[in-house]
Amino acid sequence: MAKDMTLMWGSGSPPCWRVMIALEEKGLQGYNSKQLSFEKGEHKGKEVLAINPRGQLPAFKHGNIVLNESYGACLYLEEQFKNQGNKLTPENKAEVALMYQRMFEGLTLFDKIKQSLFYDRFVPENERHDSAKKRNAEGLKEEIKIWEGYLQATGPYLAGKSFSLADVIIFPVIAFLFRFGLNEEHFPKLAAYHNTVKDRPSVKNTWPSNWKDSPGTDALKDL
């Protein structure tokens, strides 16, 4: 089954990483893995564009089925291989609802991260304002506090007692925060969650290679 799958991905990208974790969790090792370089613009190459006209990663194909949205790919893998590998959907309907809620709230978290961390990249120099940077940082801080509260209330995982699709999808974003220096003392529940999940085999086996070889930054240390 996995031999019919191709995943084109870039190291350190949370959307790419979550699909890799899902494949590991479902026991689908042996897929055709193609690591591409964002820095070299390889995600804009013909091979990617042939299945993803936006030239974005991940680009995932299973036989003739193409799924380039990471949420869709993870949901597809869980649905199509529900009896293989680890079950990623809770039995309890309340936890299923919570799983979906957290999954899609993750879009807001990642958006807040991009607004704060990559403000200078996306806003032309003559349009930048310190007040906007500060507002974005405060917005990210408030969003992270919400997730800290979620783990305080439900833990140890995002949808309750079991590792689920919510964790597959959101953990790479949480890891991204700590990669950029989020202070563990300021957010102890998130830190405990991060330190627990990072030792899960599917996460360890797919940990971004460029993160292993280079230190992170301290951009969020004072948040």
Protein backbone atom coordinates (compact mmCIF):
# COMPACT_ATOMS: atom_id res chain seq x y z
CA MET A 1 0.00 0.00 0.00
CA ALA A 2 2.65 2.51 1.01
CA LYS A 3 4.60 1.83 -2.20
CA ASP A 4 1.73 3.48 -4.10
CA MET A 5 2.17 6.65 -2.06
CA THR A 6 4.40 9.63 -2.81
CA LEU A 7 5.00 12.49 -0.41
CA MET A 8 6.98 15.54 -1.49
CA TRP A 9 7.89 17.60 1.54
CA GLY A 10 10.18 20.22 3.02
CA SER A 11 12.00 19.88 6.32
CA GLY A 12 10.72 22.01 9.21
CA SER A 13 7.34 22.71 7.64
CA PRO A 14 4.52 21.88 10.11
CA PRO A 15 2.06 20.99 7.31
CA CYS A 16 4.56 18.55 5.79
CA TRP A 17 5.53 17.13 9.16
CA ARG A 18 1.97 16.32 10.20
CA VAL A 19 1.44 14.15 7.10
CA MET A 20 4.67 12.30 7.87
CA ILE A 21 3.53 11.68 11.45
CA ALA A 22 0.17 10.39 10.20
CA LEU A 23 1.90 7.98 7.81
CA GLU A 24 4.07 6.68 10.65
CA GLU A 25 1.11 6.30 13.01
CA LYS A 26 -0.79 4.27 10.42
CA GLY A 27 2.17 1.97 9.81
CA LEU A 28 2.65 3.19 6.25
CA GLN A 29 6.43 3.32 6.19
CA GLY A 30 8.06 2.64 2.83
CA TYR A 31 6.21 5.33 0.89
CA ASN A 32 8.06 7.25 -1.81
CA SER A 33 9.56 10.11 0.20
CA LYS A 34 10.95 13.08 -1.70
CA GLN A 35 12.52 15.84 0.38
CA LEU A 36 12.71 19.14 -1.45
CA SER A 37 14.43 22.41 -0.59
CA PHE A 38 12.39 25.54 -0.03
CA GLU A 39 15.59 27.60 -0.17
CA LYS A 40 16.38 26.30 -3.67
CA GLY A 41 12.81 26.78 -4.84
CA GLU A 42 12.35 23.09 -5.53
CA HIS A 43 8.73 23.26 -4.38
CA LYS A 44 8.06 25.30 -7.53
CA GLY A 45 9.50 22.60 -9.78
CA LYS A 46 7.64 20.69 -12.48
CA GLU A 47 7.22 17.55 -10.37
CA VAL A 48 5.33 19.41 -7.66
CA LEU A 49 3.38 21.59 -10.06
CA ALA A 50 2.19 18.48 -11.87
CA ILE A 51 0.06 17.55 -8.87
CA ASN A 52 -0.13 20.85 -6.96
CA PRO A 53 -0.58 23.90 -9.23
CA ARG A 54 0.06 26.24 -6.28
CA GLY A 55 3.61 24.94 -5.98
CA GLN A 56 3.26 24.26 -2.27
CA LEU A 57 4.29 21.44 0.01
CA PRO A 58 3.23 18.90 1.07
CA ALA A 59 2.25 17.33 -2.24
CA PHE A 60 0.78 13.88 -1.56
CA LYS A 61 -0.40 11.21 -3.95
CA HIS A 62 -1.86 7.75 -3.30
CA GLY A 63 -2.25 5.94 -6.59
CA ASN A 64 -4.32 8.36 -8.67
CA ILE A 65 -5.63 10.22 -5.62
CA VAL A 66 -4.05 13.59 -4.92
CA LEU A 67 -4.29 15.41 -1.57
CA ASN A 68 -2.20 18.55 -1.22
CA GLU A 69 -3.88 19.99 1.88
CA SER A 70 -2.24 18.51 4.97
CA TYR A 71 -5.47 18.37 6.99
CA GLY A 72 -7.15 16.49 4.16
CA ALA A 73 -4.25 14.07 3.80
CA CYS A 74 -4.27 13.24 7.52
CA LEU A 75 -8.03 12.74 7.58
CA TYR A 76 -7.81 10.56 4.47
CA LEU A 77 -5.11 8.34 5.94
CA GLU A 78 -7.07 7.81 9.15
CA GLU A 79 -10.27 7.02 7.26
CA GLN A 80 -8.76 4.73 4.63
CA PHE A 81 -6.51 2.85 7.06
CA LYS A 82 -8.65 2.95 10.20
CA ASN A 83 -7.89 -0.70 11.00
CA GLN A 84 -4.14 -0.35 10.47
CA GLY A 85 -1.55 1.08 12.80
CA ASN A 86 -2.66 3.33 15.63
CA LYS A 87 -6.27 4.48 15.85
CA LEU A 88 -6.28 8.26 15.76
CA THR A 89 -9.99 8.92 16.33
CA PRO A 90 -11.41 8.61 19.88
CA GLU A 91 -14.33 6.30 20.61
CA ASN A 92 -16.13 8.85 22.76
CA LYS A 93 -18.24 11.24 20.66
CA ALA A 94 -17.46 14.18 22.94
CA GLU A 95 -13.74 13.59 22.41
CA VAL A 96 -14.32 13.24 18.65
CA ALA A 97 -16.01 16.65 18.67
CA LEU A 98 -13.17 18.10 20.74
CA MET A 99 -10.63 16.57 18.36
CA TYR A 100 -12.21 18.33 15.37
CA GLN A 101 -12.54 21.57 17.31
CA ARG A 102 -8.85 21.62 18.25
CA MET A 103 -7.77 20.58 14.75
CA PHE A 104 -9.43 23.52 13.09
CA GLU A 105 -8.54 25.97 15.85
CA GLY A 106 -4.97 25.12 14.92
CA LEU A 107 -5.43 27.17 11.76
CA THR A 108 -5.85 30.29 13.90
CA LEU A 109 -2.79 29.43 16.00
CA PHE A 110 -0.59 28.95 12.94
CA ASP A 111 -1.92 32.16 11.39
CA LYS A 112 -1.05 34.11 14.57
CA ILE A 113 2.45 32.61 14.50
CA LYS A 114 3.02 33.71 10.91
CA GLN A 115 1.69 37.20 11.58
CA SER A 116 4.09 37.65 14.49
CA LEU A 117 7.24 35.79 13.48
CA PHE A 118 7.23 36.62 9.78
CA TYR A 119 5.87 40.16 9.80
CA ASP A 120 8.99 41.59 8.14
CA ARG A 121 8.90 38.92 5.45
CA PHE A 122 5.35 39.61 4.34
CA VAL A 123 5.00 43.35 4.92
CA PRO A 124 6.94 45.78 2.69
CA GLU A 125 9.48 47.83 4.63
CA ASN A 126 7.74 51.14 3.98
CA GLU A 127 4.48 49.73 5.37
CA ARG A 128 5.83 48.28 8.61
CA HIS A 129 4.90 49.76 11.97
CA ASP A 130 6.19 48.94 15.44
CA SER A 131 2.64 49.19 16.77
CA ALA A 132 1.52 46.46 14.36
CA LYS A 133 4.42 44.22 15.39
CA LYS A 134 3.52 44.70 19.04
CA ARG A 135 -0.14 44.01 18.34
CA ASN A 136 0.73 40.81 16.48
CA ALA A 137 2.98 39.65 19.33
CA GLU A 138 0.22 40.30 21.86
CA GLY A 139 -2.26 38.45 19.67
CA LEU A 140 0.03 35.43 19.53
CA LYS A 141 0.57 35.53 23.29
CA GLU A 142 -3.17 35.53 23.94
CA GLU A 143 -3.67 32.65 21.53
CA ILE A 144 -0.95 30.59 23.21
CA LYS A 145 -2.57 31.27 26.58
CA ILE A 146 -5.78 29.75 25.22
CA TRP A 147 -3.96 26.53 24.30
CA GLU A 148 -2.25 26.49 27.69
CA GLY A 149 -5.71 26.61 29.24
CA TYR A 150 -6.98 23.81 27.03
CA LEU A 151 -4.26 21.48 28.23
CA GLN A 152 -4.87 22.52 31.80
CA ALA A 153 -8.51 21.49 31.40
CA THR A 154 -8.30 18.31 29.33
CA GLY A 155 -4.71 16.99 29.03
CA PRO A 156 -2.54 15.13 28.61
CA TYR A 157 -3.44 15.31 24.91
CA LEU A 158 -5.37 17.91 22.98
CA ALA A 159 -8.60 15.94 22.79
CA GLY A 160 -8.35 14.17 26.12
CA LYS A 161 -6.61 11.04 27.33
CA SER A 162 -5.69 9.59 23.93
CA PHE A 163 -3.28 10.70 21.21
CA SER A 164 -5.45 11.63 18.24
CA LEU A 165 -5.54 13.42 14.90
CA ALA A 166 -5.66 16.68 16.83
CA ASP A 167 -2.16 15.93 18.13
CA VAL A 168 -0.91 14.76 14.73
CA ILE A 169 -1.99 18.07 13.23
CA ILE A 170 -1.23 20.52 16.04
CA PHE A 171 1.94 19.13 17.61
CA PRO A 172 4.19 20.31 14.74
CA VAL A 173 2.86 23.83 15.32
CA ILE A 174 3.55 23.61 19.06
CA ALA A 175 7.04 22.28 18.33
CA PHE A 176 7.52 25.23 15.96
CA LEU A 177 6.80 27.61 18.83
CA PHE A 178 9.45 26.03 21.04
CA ARG A 179 11.87 25.95 18.11
CA PHE A 180 11.52 29.74 18.09
CA GLY A 181 12.26 30.03 21.79
CA LEU A 182 8.91 29.89 23.57
CA ASN A 183 9.68 30.01 27.28
CA GLU A 184 8.74 26.73 29.02
CA GLU A 185 8.41 28.48 32.37
CA HIS A 186 5.77 30.85 30.99
CA PHE A 187 3.69 28.01 29.49
CA PRO A 188 4.31 24.90 31.61
CA LYS A 189 1.36 22.85 30.31
CA LEU A 190 2.36 23.39 26.70
CA ALA A 191 5.95 22.57 27.64
CA ALA A 192 4.90 19.32 29.34
CA TYR A 193 2.82 18.40 26.29
CA HIS A 194 5.70 19.18 23.95
CA ASN A 195 8.19 17.18 25.99
CA THR A 196 5.85 14.18 26.14
CA VAL A 197 4.85 14.03 22.49
CA LYS A 198 8.32 14.70 21.08
CA ASP A 199 9.37 11.26 22.40
CA ARG A 200 6.56 9.45 20.59
CA PRO A 201 8.11 7.10 17.94
CA SER A 202 6.20 8.64 15.02
CA VAL A 203 7.46 12.10 16.01
CA LYS A 204 11.04 11.04 16.72
CA ASN A 205 11.22 9.17 13.42
CA THR A 206 10.12 12.22 11.45
CA TRP A 207 11.81 15.01 13.44
CA PRO A 208 12.94 17.70 10.96
CA SER A 209 16.47 16.97 9.85
CA ASN A 210 17.38 20.65 9.65
CA TRP A 211 16.28 21.09 13.26
CA LYS A 212 18.68 18.36 14.35
CA ASP A 213 21.61 20.07 12.65
CA SER A 214 21.02 23.66 13.70
CA PRO A 215 19.91 25.51 16.83
CA GLY A 216 16.60 27.29 17.04
CA THR A 217 16.13 30.98 17.77
CA ASP A 218 15.07 32.98 20.82
CA ALA A 219 12.51 35.11 18.97
CA LEU A 220 9.71 34.17 21.39
CA LYS A 221 11.68 33.95 24.63
CA ASP A 222 10.09 37.08 26.11
CA LEU A 223 6.52 36.27 25.07
